[in-house]
Amino acid sequence: MYEVYFLYIYIMNKEEILKIAAEYQKTVLQRIDELLEIDAIQYQNLGSESSKADKLEVKKNSRFIYRTIKDLDTNTGKLLLQHQDGY
């Protein structure tokens, strides 16, 4: 018997990401760490069976996370965006 697995990739929406970035009771470093953890989890949930659309959605969301990080720490955000662009 073959088992069918459905992969559910949870992608945070932009409002949730902005909410984390605006949590002023946390330090900038704590907020950046939390955003990067979310980014890593999204990529971990991708697998070889993920569709191109899933992979593209995660990459778009990752770019939004990096832009949000750039608003918190310009240098770190620029480095992340450059790395994603392949510089």
C-alpha atoms as a PDB file:
ATOM      1  CA  MET A   1       0.000   0.000   0.000  1.00  0.00           C
ATOM      2  CA  TYR A   2       1.145   3.488  -0.779  1.00  0.00           C
ATOM      3  CA  GLU A   3       0.584   6.245   1.679  1.00  0.00           C
ATOM      4  CA  VAL A   4      -0.162   9.733   0.512  1.00  0.00           C
ATOM      5  CA  TYR A   5       1.299  12.582   2.465  1.00  0.00           C
ATOM      6  CA  PHE A   6       0.141  16.134   2.195  1.00  0.00           C
ATOM      7  CA  LEU A   7       2.673  18.758   3.048  1.00  0.00           C
ATOM      8  CA  TYR A   8       1.303  21.845   4.648  1.00  0.00           C
ATOM      9  CA  ILE A   9       3.687  24.745   4.573  1.00  0.00           C
ATOM     10  CA  TYR A  10       2.724  27.462   6.980  1.00  0.00           C
ATOM     11  CA  ILE A  11       3.728  30.825   5.632  1.00  0.00           C
ATOM     12  CA  MET A  12       3.295  33.772   7.933  1.00  0.00           C
ATOM     13  CA  ASN A  13       1.381  36.617   6.439  1.00  0.00           C
ATOM     14  CA  LYS A  14       2.774  40.129   6.242  1.00  0.00           C
ATOM     15  CA  GLU A  15       0.690  41.406   9.153  1.00  0.00           C
ATOM     16  CA  GLU A  16       2.160  38.760  11.475  1.00  0.00           C
ATOM     17  CA  ILE A  17       5.693  39.620  10.370  1.00  0.00           C
ATOM     18  CA  LEU A  18       5.125  43.343  10.883  1.00  0.00           C
ATOM     19  CA  LYS A  19       3.607  42.630  14.294  1.00  0.00           C
ATOM     20  CA  ILE A  20       6.799  40.855  15.370  1.00  0.00           C
ATOM     21  CA  ALA A  21       8.912  43.731  14.052  1.00  0.00           C
ATOM     22  CA  ALA A  22       6.829  46.208  16.053  1.00  0.00           C
ATOM     23  CA  GLU A  23       7.143  44.419  19.408  1.00  0.00           C
ATOM     24  CA  TYR A  24       9.001  47.269  21.082  1.00  0.00           C
ATOM     25  CA  GLN A  25       9.227  45.522  24.441  1.00  0.00           C
ATOM     26  CA  LYS A  26      11.853  43.297  22.794  1.00  0.00           C
ATOM     27  CA  THR A  27      15.270  44.443  21.658  1.00  0.00           C
ATOM     28  CA  VAL A  28      16.044  44.851  17.980  1.00  0.00           C
ATOM     29  CA  LEU A  29      18.287  41.791  18.150  1.00  0.00           C
ATOM     30  CA  GLN A  30      15.495  39.681  19.676  1.00  0.00           C
ATOM     31  CA  ARG A  31      13.060  40.769  16.948  1.00  0.00           C
ATOM     32  CA  ILE A  32      15.584  40.023  14.190  1.00  0.00           C
ATOM     33  CA  ASP A  33      16.320  36.615  15.723  1.00  0.00           C
ATOM     34  CA  GLU A  34      12.612  35.790  15.809  1.00  0.00           C
ATOM     35  CA  LEU A  35      12.146  36.849  12.175  1.00  0.00           C
ATOM     36  CA  LEU A  36      15.150  34.794  11.055  1.00  0.00           C
ATOM     37  CA  GLU A  37      13.829  31.794  12.981  1.00  0.00           C
ATOM     38  CA  ILE A  38      10.520  32.074  11.116  1.00  0.00           C
ATOM     39  CA  ASP A  39      12.428  32.293   7.834  1.00  0.00           C
ATOM     40  CA  ALA A  40      14.446  29.184   8.666  1.00  0.00           C
ATOM     41  CA  ILE A  41      11.347  27.211   9.669  1.00  0.00           C
ATOM     42  CA  GLN A  42       9.675  28.029   6.363  1.00  0.00           C
ATOM     43  CA  TYR A  43      12.673  26.708   4.418  1.00  0.00           C
ATOM     44  CA  GLN A  44      12.866  23.621   6.647  1.00  0.00           C
ATOM     45  CA  ASN A  45       9.276  22.783   5.806  1.00  0.00           C
ATOM     46  CA  LEU A  46      10.055  22.744   2.091  1.00  0.00           C
ATOM     47  CA  GLY A  47      10.909  19.363   0.681  1.00  0.00           C
ATOM     48  CA  SER A  48      11.604  17.695  -2.617  1.00  0.00           C
ATOM     49  CA  GLU A  49       7.875  17.132  -3.022  1.00  0.00           C
ATOM     50  CA  SER A  50       7.083  20.848  -2.637  1.00  0.00           C
ATOM     51  CA  SER A  51       5.708  22.530  -5.706  1.00  0.00           C
ATOM     52  CA  LYS A  52       7.420  25.393  -7.501  1.00  0.00           C
ATOM     53  CA  ALA A  53       4.605  27.639  -6.323  1.00  0.00           C
ATOM     54  CA  ASP A  54       5.332  26.711  -2.680  1.00  0.00           C
ATOM     55  CA  LYS A  55       9.029  27.394  -3.139  1.00  0.00           C
ATOM     56  CA  LEU A  56       8.341  30.726  -4.823  1.00  0.00           C
ATOM     57  CA  GLU A  57       5.922  31.756  -2.066  1.00  0.00           C
ATOM     58  CA  VAL A  58       8.501  30.973   0.625  1.00  0.00           C
ATOM     59  CA  LYS A  59      11.137  32.969  -1.270  1.00  0.00           C
ATOM     60  CA  LYS A  60       8.784  35.953  -1.603  1.00  0.00           C
ATOM     61  CA  ASN A  61       7.958  35.783   2.074  1.00  0.00           C
ATOM     62  CA  SER A  62      11.640  35.492   2.907  1.00  0.00           C
ATOM     63  CA  ARG A  63      12.344  38.636   0.911  1.00  0.00           C
ATOM     64  CA  PHE A  64       9.621  40.475   2.833  1.00  0.00           C
ATOM     65  CA  ILE A  65      11.187  39.301   6.108  1.00  0.00           C
ATOM     66  CA  TYR A  66      14.595  40.587   4.970  1.00  0.00           C
ATOM     67  CA  ARG A  67      13.105  43.952   4.006  1.00  0.00           C
ATOM     68  CA  THR A  68      11.486  44.145   7.429  1.00  0.00           C
ATOM     69  CA  ILE A  69      14.841  43.336   9.040  1.00  0.00           C
ATOM     70  CA  LYS A  70      16.402  46.091   6.926  1.00  0.00           C
ATOM     71  CA  ASP A  71      13.981  48.552   8.570  1.00  0.00           C
ATOM     72  CA  LEU A  72      15.252  47.396  11.980  1.00  0.00           C
ATOM     73  CA  ASP A  73      18.966  47.113  11.104  1.00  0.00           C
ATOM     74  CA  THR A  74      20.001  48.528   7.745  1.00  0.00           C
ATOM     75  CA  ASN A  75      23.343  46.721   7.409  1.00  0.00           C
ATOM     76  CA  THR A  76      22.018  43.275   8.323  1.00  0.00           C
ATOM     77  CA  GLY A  77      19.015  43.676   6.046  1.00  0.00           C
ATOM     78  CA  LYS A  78      21.171  44.764   3.117  1.00  0.00           C
ATOM     79  CA  LEU A  79      23.456  41.761   3.572  1.00  0.00           C
ATOM     80  CA  LEU A  80      20.536  39.336   3.673  1.00  0.00           C
ATOM     81  CA  LEU A  81      18.950  40.842   0.554  1.00  0.00           C
ATOM     82  CA  GLN A  82      22.272  40.813  -1.309  1.00  0.00           C
ATOM     83  CA  HIS A  83      22.839  37.195  -0.377  1.00  0.00           C
ATOM     84  CA  GLN A  84      19.387  36.245  -1.629  1.00  0.00           C
ATOM     85  CA  ASP A  85      20.094  38.058  -4.898  1.00  0.00           C
ATOM     86  CA  GLY A  86      23.306  36.073  -5.286  1.00  0.00           C
ATOM     87  CA  TYR A  87      25.890  38.827  -4.809  1.00  0.00           C
END
